[in-house]
């Protein structure tokens, strides 16, 4: 399930790669929605690398 994959990636990203506290839950849910849109639009298969690319686009979107 997309939600489970994204949740696992989200926790790993912040705990292991960034070494930071998790952002608020609402930000994660916005990211999950963003990922679902990307998957539907581009018919993606989610990998860690692909989720990282999507995360970068998500950050760009929320900081514009």
C-alpha atoms as a PDB file:
ATOM      1  CA  UNK A   1       0.000   0.000   0.000  1.00  0.00           C
ATOM      2  CA  UNK A   2       1.277   3.462  -0.839  1.00  0.00           C
ATOM      3  CA  UNK A   3       0.587   4.827   2.636  1.00  0.00           C
ATOM      4  CA  UNK A   4       2.684   2.115   4.276  1.00  0.00           C
ATOM      5  CA  UNK A   5       5.569   2.568   1.848  1.00  0.00           C
ATOM      6  CA  UNK A   6       5.560   6.333   2.305  1.00  0.00           C
ATOM      7  CA  UNK A   7       5.290   6.076   6.088  1.00  0.00           C
ATOM      8  CA  UNK A   8       8.276   3.728   6.219  1.00  0.00           C
ATOM      9  CA  UNK A   9      10.275   6.019   3.916  1.00  0.00           C
ATOM     10  CA  UNK A  10       9.242   9.099   5.937  1.00  0.00           C
ATOM     11  CA  UNK A  11      10.458   7.623   9.219  1.00  0.00           C
ATOM     12  CA  UNK A  12      13.681   6.326   7.677  1.00  0.00           C
ATOM     13  CA  UNK A  13      14.377   9.637   5.943  1.00  0.00           C
ATOM     14  CA  UNK A  14      14.106  11.774   9.046  1.00  0.00           C
ATOM     15  CA  UNK A  15      15.536   9.341  11.599  1.00  0.00           C
ATOM     16  CA  UNK A  16      18.376   7.747   9.652  1.00  0.00           C
ATOM     17  CA  UNK A  17      19.291  10.001   6.741  1.00  0.00           C
ATOM     18  CA  UNK A  18      18.564  13.489   8.041  1.00  0.00           C
ATOM     19  CA  UNK A  19      18.898  12.733  11.747  1.00  0.00           C
ATOM     20  CA  UNK A  20      16.015  14.973  12.696  1.00  0.00           C
ATOM     21  CA  UNK A  21      12.743  14.811  14.552  1.00  0.00           C
ATOM     22  CA  UNK A  22       9.726  13.938  12.471  1.00  0.00           C
ATOM     23  CA  UNK A  23       7.693  16.881  11.199  1.00  0.00           C
ATOM     24  CA  UNK A  24       4.063  17.232  12.234  1.00  0.00           C
ATOM     25  CA  UNK A  25       1.739  14.444  11.096  1.00  0.00           C
ATOM     26  CA  UNK A  26      -0.200  16.792   8.817  1.00  0.00           C
ATOM     27  CA  UNK A  27       2.944  17.371   6.752  1.00  0.00           C
ATOM     28  CA  UNK A  28       3.369  13.620   6.307  1.00  0.00           C
ATOM     29  CA  UNK A  29      -0.247  13.303   5.180  1.00  0.00           C
ATOM     30  CA  UNK A  30       0.278  16.100   2.660  1.00  0.00           C
ATOM     31  CA  UNK A  31       3.332  14.237   1.392  1.00  0.00           C
ATOM     32  CA  UNK A  32       1.328  11.007   1.093  1.00  0.00           C
ATOM     33  CA  UNK A  33      -1.275  12.838  -0.974  1.00  0.00           C
ATOM     34  CA  UNK A  34       1.473  14.330  -3.128  1.00  0.00           C
ATOM     35  CA  UNK A  35       3.016  10.890  -3.681  1.00  0.00           C
ATOM     36  CA  UNK A  36      -0.347   9.409  -4.668  1.00  0.00           C
ATOM     37  CA  UNK A  37      -0.822  12.167  -7.253  1.00  0.00           C
ATOM     38  CA  UNK A  38       2.656  11.553  -8.657  1.00  0.00           C
ATOM     39  CA  UNK A  39       2.084   7.794  -8.845  1.00  0.00           C
ATOM     40  CA  UNK A  40      -1.244   8.218 -10.609  1.00  0.00           C
ATOM     41  CA  UNK A  41       0.054  10.873 -12.996  1.00  0.00           C
ATOM     42  CA  UNK A  42       3.214   9.028 -14.031  1.00  0.00           C
ATOM     43  CA  UNK A  43       2.235   5.421 -13.251  1.00  0.00           C
ATOM     44  CA  UNK A  44       5.308   5.087 -11.016  1.00  0.00           C
ATOM     45  CA  UNK A  45       6.685   2.130  -9.167  1.00  0.00           C
ATOM     46  CA  UNK A  46       7.837   3.360  -5.773  1.00  0.00           C
ATOM     47  CA  UNK A  47      11.423   2.764  -4.804  1.00  0.00           C
ATOM     48  CA  UNK A  48      13.481   4.550  -2.176  1.00  0.00           C
ATOM     49  CA  UNK A  49      15.216   6.517  -4.927  1.00  0.00           C
ATOM     50  CA  UNK A  50      11.893   7.514  -6.521  1.00  0.00           C
ATOM     51  CA  UNK A  51      10.442   8.540  -3.149  1.00  0.00           C
ATOM     52  CA  UNK A  52      13.485  10.718  -2.535  1.00  0.00           C
ATOM     53  CA  UNK A  53      12.977  12.430  -5.916  1.00  0.00           C
ATOM     54  CA  UNK A  54       9.305  12.982  -5.091  1.00  0.00           C
ATOM     55  CA  UNK A  55      10.248  14.315  -1.649  1.00  0.00           C
ATOM     56  CA  UNK A  56      12.519  16.908  -3.239  1.00  0.00           C
ATOM     57  CA  UNK A  57       9.689  18.042  -5.564  1.00  0.00           C
ATOM     58  CA  UNK A  58       7.364  18.144  -2.535  1.00  0.00           C
ATOM     59  CA  UNK A  59       9.787  20.429  -0.685  1.00  0.00           C
ATOM     60  CA  UNK A  60      10.046  22.694  -3.713  1.00  0.00           C
ATOM     61  CA  UNK A  61       6.263  22.876  -3.922  1.00  0.00           C
ATOM     62  CA  UNK A  62       5.693  23.754  -0.274  1.00  0.00           C
ATOM     63  CA  UNK A  63       8.451  26.371  -0.207  1.00  0.00           C
ATOM     64  CA  UNK A  64       7.275  28.284  -3.290  1.00  0.00           C
END
